[in-house]
Amino acid sequence: MKKTFLILFSCAMISVTSTFAQENSQQNKDNIQDNSIVAPESLNKQLATLLHEWQIDFSRSNDKCRQGSNVLFHDSIYAKRLYDIPTEMELSFNQVVKQYIEMYANRRRDMVGYMLTIGNYYFPMFEEALDKHGLPLELKYLPVIESALNPVAVSRVGATGLWQFMLRTGRGYGLQVNSLVDERRDPHKSTEAAVRYLRDLYAIYGDWNLVIAAYNCGPGNVNKAITRSGGKRDYWQIYYNLPRETRGYVPAFIAANYIMNFYDKHNICPVESFQGMAALDTVHVNNQMHFNQIAEVLNIPLSDIRRWNPQFKKDVVPGNYQDYALVLPTNKVYAFLEKKNEITNYRKNDFITHRENTDRYLVSTGSSVSGGGADVYYRVKRGDNLSKIASKNRITVKQLMAWNNLRSTKISVGKSLIVGRRAVTRSTTPSQTDKAPVAEQTGNSEIVTKTTNEYYRVRSGDNLGKIAQKNKVTVAQLKSWNGLKSDKISVGKRLVVRKNTIKVEQPKPVQEVAETTTQAKENSSIISNYLKEQLEETGSDDTETNVLTETE
């Protein structure tokens, strides 16, 4: 009898414990607490650094609003305000969200005051892109936690721009990145790319909280968290299975929505600036140009041009490569178009320092031999000028000035000027290395000196010594021409055994203009190829993926 009672009592306790666990799990979902969360990197940045990188002059600000002390509210007030915001996304309240609200309203209230003003420029741009793709407009606050609305922000792992794109992700969504241009810093192009990325993530998860989490740590990490939680697809139910930084990411986003809507309830005032931020337009630049040339000819502060065009990393618009859009004040666009040639040539040698040709530095006994050709010189006589010399040698004054690095048309008697180039025939020897093709222009064609290779296919029993002896070359030459690091060669391999120099006549090449990067075909699939690759990698156990913002 006693044994039967113990069994029944144990079963009852298990049932009660199970029920309590379910209720406790639901309660934890509604009242999550986490003392180990990591705030998004942008929220820890010093205000002085941000003011420098925002490049906005707040020194003459005239605050009409009186900023007072922070006001604390009961949790029910925070929850009610968040619930009442007209949003498609779920903005629920819990203790972690409260921590971020208090951080914005107290420790980072000065940053919020500045971001409210900067948001007047960026938020309409974000809303337009989000609305075009049918996404919730409250996503416009994502760059608040990503970059603190700083277009030149760079995280410790290299995520860049307002939307904090990693290099691979940015290129996967059509953003160009090279030494001079980084379109992750272009507010318009990066916003378009970010909206497409968010849309693709929503096609996978169908839940905006999971989308935001995946935006931060990558779909691979979110998928692992879903798996570890037994297949649950609620952000708050997989919360403790996510990377530490991502745990605070969604609460920080919810808090950003709160503070941007109810900043006045906490006595936070927008810090006004008298700098014009809205009356801007774009012009297309199709030749190389430095910001200093634009600033000095059009009388625009250099800092303003940098602020409007953060995508140009070195103050250079490489328009010779392709057309680029340059942002300028609307009232300066016409002046730019009218003075475009003047801007291009203004102190060109001072600001555009890359040299197109450096043959003139290789002068030796009257000729500059380089790549199979030699410069032809002319000694200036009394009565000569650049126009006469150019006409005599059937070239242009512009070519004369470029070849001789002349900054003006003044020349002195006796000066030697490069006026052309002649081909130099060289004997072909086995030791001759590859040379770049050298062109001698003749009318509508040019004679090009090229190097051709003779090949030998390795047979059974061959070695480098035998092959070198057969072809009357050295083993060292064979290894150099074929990039061999050892004497081992495989049967059937083709080896270069001789180099010959020949001249060929061909039409003058037509300079091609590089085409701008084409946008990905959106109709083929709602999910981009880049995102498909990311999802295919989720089978591995790596905790990091190259996404917008990676965690350590």
Protein backbone atom coordinates (compact mmCIF):
# COMPACT_ATOMS: atom_id res chain seq x y z
CA MET A 1 0.00 0.00 0.00
CA LYS A 2 2.81 2.38 0.95
CA LYS A 3 4.64 1.51 -2.29
CA THR A 4 1.54 2.28 -4.36
CA PHE A 5 1.13 5.63 -2.58
CA LEU A 6 4.74 6.61 -3.31
CA ILE A 7 4.32 5.83 -7.01
CA LEU A 8 1.12 7.90 -7.23
CA PHE A 9 2.77 10.79 -5.31
CA SER A 10 5.78 10.75 -7.66
CA CYS A 11 3.58 10.87 -10.76
CA ALA A 12 1.66 13.80 -9.30
CA MET A 13 4.86 15.70 -8.55
CA ILE A 14 6.16 15.13 -12.11
CA SER A 15 2.90 16.47 -13.51
CA VAL A 16 3.04 19.56 -11.27
CA THR A 17 6.71 20.14 -12.13
CA SER A 18 5.96 19.89 -15.86
CA THR A 19 3.10 22.37 -15.57
CA PHE A 20 5.26 24.75 -13.52
CA ALA A 21 8.07 24.50 -16.11
CA GLN A 22 5.66 25.40 -18.94
CA GLU A 23 4.29 28.38 -17.00
CA ASN A 24 7.81 29.45 -16.04
CA SER A 25 8.93 29.20 -19.67
CA GLN A 26 6.05 31.49 -20.73
CA GLN A 27 6.89 33.88 -17.91
CA ASN A 28 10.57 33.97 -18.96
CA LYS A 29 9.53 34.85 -22.48
CA ASP A 30 7.59 37.84 -21.17
CA ASN A 31 10.17 38.85 -18.57
CA ILE A 32 13.61 38.05 -19.99
CA GLN A 33 16.55 39.29 -17.95
CA ASP A 34 20.13 39.15 -19.13
CA ASN A 35 23.11 40.70 -17.39
CA SER A 36 25.62 39.44 -19.98
CA ILE A 37 24.29 41.29 -23.03
CA VAL A 38 26.72 43.23 -25.24
CA ALA A 39 25.58 46.63 -26.51
CA PRO A 40 25.92 47.25 -30.27
CA GLU A 41 29.31 48.74 -31.06
CA SER A 42 27.92 52.06 -32.33
CA LEU A 43 26.33 52.79 -28.95
CA ASN A 44 29.72 52.69 -27.22
CA LYS A 45 31.38 55.24 -29.49
CA GLN A 46 32.59 58.51 -27.99
CA LEU A 47 30.40 61.51 -28.88
CA ALA A 48 33.47 63.60 -29.83
CA THR A 49 34.46 60.95 -32.40
CA LEU A 50 30.95 60.85 -33.82
CA LEU A 51 30.77 64.64 -34.12
CA HIS A 52 34.00 64.57 -36.14
CA GLU A 53 32.80 61.76 -38.43
CA TRP A 54 29.30 63.20 -38.91
CA GLN A 55 31.04 66.35 -40.25
CA ILE A 56 28.13 68.59 -39.30
CA ASP A 57 28.65 71.97 -37.73
CA PHE A 58 26.54 72.25 -34.58
CA SER A 59 28.53 75.16 -33.18
CA ARG A 60 25.94 77.79 -34.12
CA SER A 61 22.97 75.75 -32.97
CA ASN A 62 20.12 77.61 -31.32
CA ASP A 63 18.11 75.24 -29.15
CA LYS A 64 14.50 76.35 -28.95
CA CYS A 65 13.79 73.30 -26.82
CA ARG A 66 15.03 73.31 -23.23
CA GLN A 67 16.73 70.05 -22.39
CA GLY A 68 16.04 68.95 -18.84
CA SER A 69 16.79 65.88 -16.75
CA ASN A 70 15.69 62.40 -17.66
CA VAL A 71 12.28 61.23 -16.45
CA LEU A 72 11.75 57.63 -15.32
CA PHE A 73 8.43 55.89 -15.94
CA HIS A 74 6.75 52.73 -14.69
CA ASP A 75 7.25 49.62 -16.80
CA SER A 76 3.58 49.64 -17.77
CA ILE A 77 4.04 53.08 -19.38
CA TYR A 78 6.97 51.87 -21.50
CA ALA A 79 5.03 48.78 -22.55
CA LYS A 80 1.90 50.78 -23.43
CA ARG A 81 3.82 53.34 -25.49
CA LEU A 82 5.63 50.65 -27.48
CA TYR A 83 2.39 48.75 -28.04
CA ASP A 84 0.63 51.89 -29.27
CA ILE A 85 3.23 52.78 -31.94
CA PRO A 86 1.56 52.00 -35.32
CA THR A 87 4.01 49.36 -36.56
CA GLU A 88 3.89 46.12 -38.50
CA MET A 89 6.74 44.75 -36.40
CA GLU A 90 6.22 43.46 -32.85
CA LEU A 91 7.80 45.92 -30.41
CA SER A 92 7.33 44.06 -27.13
CA PHE A 93 8.60 45.20 -23.76
CA ASN A 94 10.76 43.29 -21.28
CA GLN A 95 13.56 44.04 -18.83
CA VAL A 96 16.31 43.87 -21.46
CA VAL A 97 14.44 46.36 -23.64
CA LYS A 98 14.07 48.55 -20.55
CA GLN A 99 17.85 48.55 -20.03
CA TYR A 100 18.35 49.97 -23.53
CA ILE A 101 15.58 52.55 -23.17
CA GLU A 102 17.24 53.81 -19.99
CA MET A 103 20.63 53.84 -21.71
CA TYR A 104 19.31 56.04 -24.55
CA ALA A 105 17.30 58.26 -22.19
CA ASN A 106 20.11 58.71 -19.67
CA ARG A 107 23.74 57.89 -20.59
CA ARG A 108 23.39 58.45 -24.37
CA ARG A 109 20.83 61.27 -24.35
CA ASP A 110 23.32 63.72 -25.93
CA MET A 111 23.91 61.30 -28.82
CA VAL A 112 20.13 60.98 -29.27
CA GLY A 113 19.82 64.78 -29.50
CA TYR A 114 22.28 64.89 -32.39
CA MET A 115 20.83 61.81 -34.14
CA LEU A 116 17.37 63.38 -34.15
CA THR A 117 18.75 66.21 -36.30
CA ILE A 118 20.81 63.94 -38.56
CA GLY A 119 17.75 61.72 -38.95
CA ASN A 120 15.94 64.59 -40.68
CA TYR A 121 18.28 63.97 -43.62
CA TYR A 122 18.52 60.17 -43.59
CA PHE A 123 15.10 58.92 -42.41
CA PRO A 124 13.12 60.16 -45.46
CA MET A 125 15.70 58.44 -47.70
CA PHE A 126 15.33 55.18 -45.75
CA GLU A 127 11.53 55.38 -45.75
CA GLU A 128 11.41 55.86 -49.52
CA ALA A 129 13.49 52.72 -50.15
CA LEU A 130 11.57 50.65 -47.59
CA ASP A 131 8.22 51.76 -48.99
CA LYS A 132 9.30 50.93 -52.56
CA HIS A 133 9.96 47.32 -51.54
CA GLY A 134 6.95 47.03 -49.21
CA LEU A 135 8.94 46.72 -45.98
CA PRO A 136 7.95 48.12 -42.55
CA LEU A 137 8.95 51.79 -42.26
CA GLU A 138 10.11 51.33 -38.66
CA LEU A 139 13.20 49.56 -40.08
CA LYS A 140 14.49 53.08 -40.77
CA TYR A 141 15.81 53.03 -37.18
CA LEU A 142 18.10 50.06 -37.84
CA PRO A 143 21.08 52.32 -38.76
CA VAL A 144 20.63 54.07 -35.39
CA ILE A 145 21.97 50.95 -33.67
CA GLU A 146 24.13 49.79 -36.58
CA SER A 147 26.21 52.93 -37.07
CA ALA A 148 24.67 55.79 -35.03
CA LEU A 149 23.75 57.25 -38.47
CA ASN A 150 27.45 57.57 -39.33
CA PRO A 151 28.07 56.86 -43.07
CA VAL A 152 31.82 56.36 -42.59
CA ALA A 153 31.53 54.07 -39.54
CA VAL A 154 33.82 51.03 -39.59
CA SER A 155 33.39 48.29 -36.98
CA ARG A 156 36.21 46.28 -35.43
CA VAL A 157 35.53 43.45 -37.92
CA GLY A 158 35.39 45.76 -40.97
CA ALA A 159 31.63 46.28 -41.35
CA THR A 160 31.26 49.68 -43.03
CA GLY A 161 28.73 52.44 -43.61
CA LEU A 162 25.28 53.37 -42.32
CA TRP A 163 24.04 49.79 -42.69
CA GLN A 164 27.36 48.15 -41.66
CA PHE A 165 27.92 45.90 -44.66
CA MET A 166 30.79 43.43 -44.59
CA LEU A 167 32.84 43.48 -47.81
CA ARG A 168 31.57 40.19 -49.20
CA THR A 169 27.94 40.91 -48.34
CA GLY A 170 28.13 44.38 -49.90
CA ARG A 171 29.58 43.04 -53.14
CA GLY A 172 26.99 40.26 -53.07
CA TYR A 173 24.32 42.97 -53.24
CA GLY A 174 26.00 44.96 -56.00
CA LEU A 175 28.03 47.51 -54.04
CA GLN A 176 31.38 48.49 -55.57
CA VAL A 177 34.41 48.52 -53.28
CA ASN A 178 37.94 49.41 -54.42
CA SER A 179 40.84 51.54 -53.19
CA LEU A 180 39.14 54.86 -54.08
CA VAL A 181 35.41 54.09 -53.88
CA ASP A 182 33.41 52.26 -51.22
CA GLU A 183 29.71 52.23 -52.02
CA ARG A 184 28.97 50.74 -48.60
CA ARG A 185 29.45 54.37 -47.49
CA ASP A 186 27.10 55.71 -50.18
CA PRO A 187 23.83 56.49 -48.33
CA HIS A 188 21.57 55.90 -51.35
CA LYS A 189 23.19 52.77 -52.79
CA SER A 190 23.83 51.10 -49.44
CA THR A 191 20.23 51.76 -48.37
CA GLU A 192 18.92 50.10 -51.54
CA ALA A 193 21.21 47.10 -50.96
CA ALA A 194 20.24 46.82 -47.27
CA VAL A 195 16.52 46.90 -48.07
CA ARG A 196 16.96 44.10 -50.62
CA TYR A 197 18.94 42.09 -48.07
CA LEU A 198 16.24 42.54 -45.40
CA ARG A 199 13.56 41.54 -47.92
CA ASP A 200 15.48 38.37 -48.77
CA LEU A 201 15.87 37.48 -45.08
CA TYR A 202 12.13 37.94 -44.52
CA ALA A 203 11.46 35.51 -47.38
CA ILE A 204 13.38 32.94 -45.32
CA TYR A 205 12.07 33.56 -41.78
CA GLY A 206 8.72 35.35 -42.11
CA ASP A 207 9.35 37.00 -38.72
CA TRP A 208 10.90 40.46 -38.42
CA ASN A 209 12.62 39.86 -35.09
CA LEU A 210 14.41 36.84 -36.57
CA VAL A 211 15.22 38.93 -39.65
CA ILE A 212 16.90 41.60 -37.53
CA ALA A 213 18.80 38.94 -35.59
CA ALA A 214 19.99 37.36 -38.87
CA TYR A 215 20.97 40.81 -40.16
CA ASN A 216 23.29 41.10 -37.17
CA CYS A 217 24.88 37.66 -36.85
CA GLY A 218 23.99 35.99 -40.16
CA PRO A 219 21.34 33.42 -41.09
CA GLY A 220 23.72 30.59 -40.18
CA ASN A 221 23.85 31.55 -36.51
CA VAL A 222 20.08 32.10 -36.34
CA ASN A 223 19.45 28.69 -37.90
CA LYS A 224 21.73 27.08 -35.31
CA ALA A 225 19.85 28.84 -32.50
CA ILE A 226 16.53 27.57 -33.91
CA THR A 227 17.92 24.02 -34.05
CA ARG A 228 19.35 24.16 -30.51
CA SER A 229 16.01 25.39 -29.15
CA GLY A 230 14.14 22.43 -30.62
CA GLY A 231 12.86 24.16 -33.74
CA LYS A 232 11.27 27.19 -32.09
CA ARG A 233 10.95 30.20 -34.43
CA ASP A 234 10.21 32.92 -31.87
CA TYR A 235 13.12 35.28 -31.20
CA TRP A 236 12.46 35.41 -27.45
CA GLN A 237 12.27 31.62 -27.22
CA ILE A 238 15.64 31.15 -28.95
CA TYR A 239 17.12 34.18 -27.13
CA TYR A 240 19.64 32.32 -24.97
CA ASN A 241 20.88 30.23 -27.92
CA LEU A 242 21.97 33.31 -29.89
CA PRO A 243 25.45 34.92 -29.80
CA ARG A 244 25.80 37.39 -26.92
CA GLU A 245 25.90 40.51 -29.10
CA THR A 246 22.81 39.46 -31.03
CA ARG A 247 20.83 39.01 -27.80
CA GLY A 248 21.03 42.75 -27.25
CA TYR A 249 20.48 43.65 -30.89
CA VAL A 250 16.70 43.28 -31.14
CA PRO A 251 16.11 44.91 -27.71
CA ALA A 252 18.34 47.81 -28.78
CA PHE A 253 16.30 48.17 -32.00
CA ILE A 254 13.02 48.21 -30.04
CA ALA A 255 14.48 50.81 -27.66
CA ALA A 256 15.62 52.93 -30.63
CA ASN A 257 12.03 52.96 -31.93
CA TYR A 258 10.85 54.02 -28.48
CA ILE A 259 13.34 56.86 -27.96
CA MET A 260 12.93 58.26 -31.50
CA ASN A 261 9.17 58.49 -30.90
CA PHE A 262 9.08 59.57 -27.23
CA TYR A 263 12.33 61.54 -26.78
CA ASP A 264 10.37 64.60 -25.64
CA LYS A 265 8.87 62.62 -22.75
CA HIS A 266 12.42 62.27 -21.43
CA ASN A 267 13.31 65.96 -21.91
CA ILE A 268 15.65 65.26 -24.85
CA CYS A 269 15.94 68.06 -27.42
CA PRO A 270 17.12 67.81 -31.05
CA VAL A 271 20.40 69.71 -31.42
CA GLU A 272 19.78 72.04 -34.34
CA SER A 273 22.28 72.81 -37.10
CA PHE A 274 22.19 75.66 -39.61
CA GLN A 275 23.99 73.65 -42.27
CA GLY A 276 21.88 72.90 -45.30
CA MET A 277 21.24 69.17 -45.57
CA ALA A 278 18.25 68.80 -47.84
CA ALA A 279 18.71 70.96 -50.98
CA LEU A 280 21.07 68.53 -52.74
CA ASP A 281 21.26 67.11 -56.25
CA THR A 282 23.58 64.80 -58.21
CA VAL A 283 25.72 65.28 -61.32
CA HIS A 284 27.55 62.61 -63.30
CA VAL A 285 31.34 62.84 -63.45
CA ASN A 286 33.08 61.07 -66.33
CA ASN A 287 36.68 62.18 -65.79
CA GLN A 288 39.08 62.07 -62.88
CA MET A 289 38.55 64.87 -60.39
CA HIS A 290 39.77 65.78 -56.91
CA PHE A 291 37.53 67.25 -54.21
CA ASN A 292 39.99 70.14 -53.78
CA GLN A 293 39.51 71.12 -57.44
CA ILE A 294 35.73 71.22 -56.97
CA ALA A 295 35.95 73.03 -53.63
CA GLU A 296 38.26 75.79 -54.85
CA VAL A 297 36.61 76.48 -58.21
CA LEU A 298 33.03 76.38 -56.88
CA ASN A 299 33.88 77.93 -53.49
CA ILE A 300 32.41 75.07 -51.44
CA PRO A 301 33.96 73.96 -48.12
CA LEU A 302 35.91 70.73 -48.60
CA SER A 303 34.30 69.25 -45.49
CA ASP A 304 30.85 69.69 -47.04
CA ILE A 305 31.80 67.84 -50.21
CA ARG A 306 33.20 65.00 -48.09
CA ARG A 307 30.01 64.87 -46.01
CA TRP A 308 27.78 64.69 -49.07
CA ASN A 309 29.99 62.10 -50.82
CA PRO A 310 31.37 59.69 -48.18
CA GLN A 311 31.74 56.90 -50.75
CA PHE A 312 34.92 58.51 -52.18
CA LYS A 313 37.53 57.39 -49.66
CA LYS A 314 40.51 59.45 -50.87
CA ASP A 315 38.74 62.65 -52.05
CA VAL A 316 39.13 61.48 -55.68
CA VAL A 317 36.33 60.76 -58.14
CA PRO A 318 37.89 58.19 -60.56
CA GLY A 319 35.69 59.23 -63.47
CA ASN A 320 38.15 57.90 -66.07
CA TYR A 321 37.20 54.40 -64.92
CA GLN A 322 33.43 54.85 -65.10
CA ASP A 323 30.76 57.49 -64.54
CA TYR A 324 30.13 58.37 -60.89
CA ALA A 325 27.34 60.37 -59.26
CA LEU A 326 28.59 63.37 -57.28
CA VAL A 327 26.28 65.02 -54.72
CA LEU A 328 26.36 68.83 -54.61
CA PRO A 329 24.01 71.59 -53.42
CA THR A 330 21.27 72.27 -55.94
CA ASN A 331 22.44 75.86 -56.39
CA LYS A 332 25.95 74.65 -57.33
CA VAL A 333 24.99 71.97 -59.86
CA TYR A 334 24.61 74.40 -62.77
CA ALA A 335 27.93 76.08 -61.91
CA PHE A 336 29.60 72.65 -61.88
CA LEU A 337 28.27 71.79 -65.35
CA GLU A 338 29.30 75.20 -66.70
CA LYS A 339 32.84 75.02 -65.26
CA LYS A 340 33.47 71.30 -65.62
CA ASN A 341 36.54 71.69 -67.85
CA GLU A 342 37.93 74.42 -65.64
CA ILE A 343 37.52 72.17 -62.58
CA THR A 344 39.18 69.22 -64.34
CA ASN A 345 42.26 71.25 -65.30
CA TYR A 346 42.52 73.39 -62.15
CA ARG A 347 45.93 72.65 -60.54
CA LYS A 348 45.71 69.21 -62.08
CA ASN A 349 49.37 68.32 -61.51
CA ASP A 350 49.03 69.26 -57.83
CA PHE A 351 45.96 67.17 -57.05
CA ILE A 352 46.03 64.35 -59.64
CA THR A 353 49.50 63.01 -58.93
CA HIS A 354 49.35 59.58 -60.58
CA ARG A 355 51.56 59.66 -63.72
CA GLU A 356 50.31 58.01 -66.87
CA ASN A 357 53.79 57.48 -68.32
CA THR A 358 57.23 57.51 -66.67
CA ASP A 359 59.46 56.78 -69.67
CA ARG A 360 61.04 60.22 -69.37
CA TYR A 361 62.71 59.18 -66.12
CA LEU A 362 64.63 56.43 -67.92
CA VAL A 363 66.68 58.88 -70.05
CA SER A 364 70.15 57.60 -70.91
CA THR A 365 72.50 59.16 -73.54
CA GLY A 366 69.69 60.90 -75.40
CA SER A 367 67.16 58.09 -75.54
CA SER A 368 64.81 56.42 -73.12
CA VAL A 369 64.65 52.74 -73.94
CA SER A 370 61.68 50.98 -72.37
CA GLY A 371 59.76 47.95 -73.51
CA GLY A 372 61.37 47.73 -76.96
CA GLY A 373 61.01 51.44 -77.90
CA ALA A 374 62.98 54.69 -77.56
CA ASP A 375 61.85 58.29 -77.08
CA VAL A 376 62.60 60.77 -79.87
CA TYR A 377 63.91 64.16 -78.69
CA TYR A 378 63.84 67.64 -80.20
CA ARG A 379 66.09 70.51 -79.02
CA VAL A 380 64.24 73.84 -78.75
CA LYS A 381 65.55 76.56 -81.09
CA ARG A 382 65.10 80.32 -81.04
CA GLY A 383 61.60 81.25 -82.24
CA ASP A 384 60.11 77.86 -81.36
CA ASN A 385 56.95 77.42 -79.32
CA LEU A 386 54.95 74.33 -78.36
CA SER A 387 52.49 74.79 -81.20
CA LYS A 388 55.23 74.89 -83.86
CA ILE A 389 57.07 71.90 -82.35
CA ALA A 390 53.85 69.89 -82.12
CA SER A 391 52.96 70.71 -85.73
CA LYS A 392 56.43 69.72 -86.99
CA ASN A 393 56.19 66.34 -85.27
CA ARG A 394 52.50 65.73 -86.06
CA ILE A 395 51.42 65.58 -82.42
CA THR A 396 49.30 67.80 -80.19
CA VAL A 397 50.37 70.44 -77.67
CA LYS A 398 48.58 68.44 -74.99
CA GLN A 399 50.72 65.38 -75.76
CA LEU A 400 53.90 67.48 -75.68
CA MET A 401 53.02 68.89 -72.27
CA ALA A 402 52.06 65.49 -70.86
CA TRP A 403 55.18 63.68 -72.16
CA ASN A 404 57.48 66.39 -70.79
CA ASN A 405 55.57 67.16 -67.57
CA LEU A 406 55.11 70.82 -68.54
CA ARG A 407 52.80 72.94 -66.43
CA SER A 408 52.81 75.92 -68.79
CA THR A 409 53.54 76.60 -72.46
CA LYS A 410 56.77 78.46 -71.69
CA ILE A 411 59.92 76.71 -72.98
CA SER A 412 63.56 77.75 -73.02
CA VAL A 413 65.98 77.60 -75.98
CA GLY A 414 68.19 74.50 -75.85
CA LYS A 415 65.74 72.40 -73.83
CA SER A 416 65.27 68.80 -75.06
CA LEU A 417 61.65 67.74 -75.45
CA ILE A 418 60.21 64.28 -76.05
CA VAL A 419 58.29 64.52 -79.33
CA GLY A 420 57.59 60.85 -80.11
CA ARG A 421 58.82 57.30 -79.96
CA ARG A 422 60.56 55.00 -82.41
CA ALA A 423 60.71 51.23 -82.35
CA VAL A 424 64.03 49.62 -81.39
CA THR A 425 64.81 46.22 -82.85
CA ARG A 426 66.58 43.92 -80.44
CA SER A 427 68.17 40.59 -81.07
CA THR A 428 66.17 37.75 -79.59
CA THR A 429 68.12 35.79 -77.03
CA PRO A 430 67.01 32.90 -74.85
CA SER A 431 67.60 34.99 -71.74
CA GLN A 432 65.16 37.72 -72.81
CA THR A 433 62.18 38.01 -70.49
CA ASP A 434 58.63 39.00 -71.47
CA LYS A 435 58.22 42.65 -72.38
CA ALA A 436 55.03 44.70 -72.45
CA PRO A 437 53.77 45.42 -75.99
CA VAL A 438 55.17 48.75 -77.31
CA ALA A 439 53.20 50.69 -79.90
CA GLU A 440 54.55 52.96 -82.68
CA GLN A 441 51.70 54.98 -84.11
CA THR A 442 51.44 55.29 -87.90
CA GLY A 443 48.25 56.95 -89.15
CA ASN A 444 45.21 54.88 -88.16
CA SER A 445 47.29 51.87 -87.17
CA GLU A 446 50.15 51.14 -84.84
CA ILE A 447 53.12 48.77 -84.95
CA VAL A 448 53.16 46.71 -81.76
CA THR A 449 56.22 44.83 -80.54
CA LYS A 450 55.09 41.58 -78.91
CA THR A 451 56.83 38.59 -77.34
CA THR A 452 55.77 35.09 -78.43
CA ASN A 453 56.61 31.79 -76.77
CA GLU A 454 57.80 28.49 -78.19
CA TYR A 455 56.64 25.42 -76.30
CA TYR A 456 57.84 21.86 -75.73
CA ARG A 457 55.70 19.02 -74.35
CA VAL A 458 57.49 16.86 -71.75
CA ARG A 459 57.96 13.19 -72.70
CA SER A 460 58.80 10.11 -70.68
CA GLY A 461 62.47 10.16 -69.61
CA ASP A 462 62.82 13.94 -69.99
CA ASN A 463 64.31 16.20 -67.35
CA LEU A 464 65.08 19.92 -67.28
CA GLY A 465 68.75 19.32 -68.19
CA LYS A 466 67.90 17.35 -71.34
CA ILE A 467 65.20 19.83 -72.42
CA ALA A 468 67.53 22.79 -71.85
CA GLN A 469 70.31 21.13 -73.88
CA LYS A 470 67.94 20.29 -76.77
CA ASN A 471 66.74 23.88 -77.01
CA LYS A 472 70.13 25.53 -76.31
CA VAL A 473 68.95 27.33 -73.18
CA THR A 474 69.82 27.03 -69.49
CA VAL A 475 67.91 25.23 -66.75
CA ALA A 476 67.63 28.54 -64.86
CA GLN A 477 65.90 30.15 -67.87
CA LEU A 478 63.49 27.23 -68.16
CA LYS A 479 62.55 27.49 -64.49
CA SER A 480 62.14 31.28 -64.68
CA TRP A 481 59.97 31.25 -67.82
CA ASN A 482 57.71 28.49 -66.46
CA GLY A 483 57.54 29.55 -62.80
CA LEU A 484 59.09 26.30 -61.59
CA LYS A 485 60.30 26.15 -57.99
CA SER A 486 61.87 22.68 -58.29
CA ASP A 487 63.33 20.43 -61.01
CA LYS A 488 60.31 18.11 -60.94
CA ILE A 489 58.24 18.04 -64.16
CA SER A 490 55.37 15.79 -65.19
CA VAL A 491 54.95 13.97 -68.50
CA GLY A 492 52.65 15.90 -70.85
CA LYS A 493 53.34 19.32 -69.29
CA ARG A 494 53.95 22.18 -71.76
CA LEU A 495 57.07 24.20 -71.10
CA VAL A 496 58.14 27.55 -72.60
CA VAL A 497 61.57 26.88 -74.18
CA ARG A 498 62.14 30.07 -76.19
CA LYS A 499 60.86 33.65 -76.45
CA ASN A 500 60.74 35.55 -79.73
CA THR A 501 60.09 39.25 -80.38
CA ILE A 502 57.92 40.11 -83.39
CA LYS A 503 56.28 43.27 -84.77
CA VAL A 504 52.66 43.34 -85.85
CA GLU A 505 50.54 46.14 -87.30
CA GLN A 506 47.10 46.59 -85.84
CA PRO A 507 44.37 49.29 -85.73
CA LYS A 508 44.50 51.78 -82.89
CA PRO A 509 42.42 50.54 -79.96
CA VAL A 510 39.31 52.42 -79.02
CA GLN A 511 39.20 53.36 -75.36
CA GLU A 512 36.45 51.50 -73.65
CA VAL A 513 34.45 53.04 -70.86
CA ALA A 514 33.92 50.63 -67.99
CA GLU A 515 30.27 49.85 -67.47
CA THR A 516 28.76 50.49 -64.09
CA THR A 517 27.91 47.50 -61.97
CA THR A 518 24.56 46.08 -63.11
CA GLN A 519 21.95 45.36 -60.53
CA ALA A 520 21.10 41.78 -59.71
CA LYS A 521 18.07 40.44 -61.59
CA GLU A 522 15.39 40.64 -58.98
CA ASN A 523 12.77 38.70 -60.98
CA SER A 524 14.85 35.50 -61.10
CA SER A 525 14.55 34.79 -57.39
CA ILE A 526 13.56 36.73 -54.31
CA ILE A 527 16.64 35.37 -52.53
CA SER A 528 19.99 36.54 -53.91
CA ASN A 529 22.80 34.18 -54.88
CA TYR A 530 24.87 35.55 -52.00
CA LEU A 531 22.22 34.63 -49.44
CA LYS A 532 21.82 31.17 -50.94
CA GLU A 533 25.55 30.61 -50.44
CA GLN A 534 25.22 31.74 -46.82
CA LEU A 535 22.40 29.28 -46.15
CA GLU A 536 24.36 26.42 -47.73
CA GLU A 537 27.14 27.05 -45.20
CA THR A 538 24.88 26.58 -42.17
CA GLY A 539 25.73 22.89 -41.98
CA SER A 540 29.19 23.70 -40.61
CA ASP A 541 29.87 24.33 -36.94
CA ASP A 542 31.55 27.70 -37.49
CA THR A 543 30.12 30.39 -35.28
CA GLU A 544 30.99 33.25 -37.63
CA THR A 545 29.79 34.11 -41.13
CA ASN A 546 30.75 37.06 -43.33
CA VAL A 547 27.63 39.07 -42.82
CA LEU A 548 26.86 42.66 -42.04
CA THR A 549 28.00 42.70 -38.44
CA GLU A 550 29.91 39.72 -37.10
CA THR A 551 30.28 38.75 -33.48
CA GLU A 552 33.35 37.59 -31.72
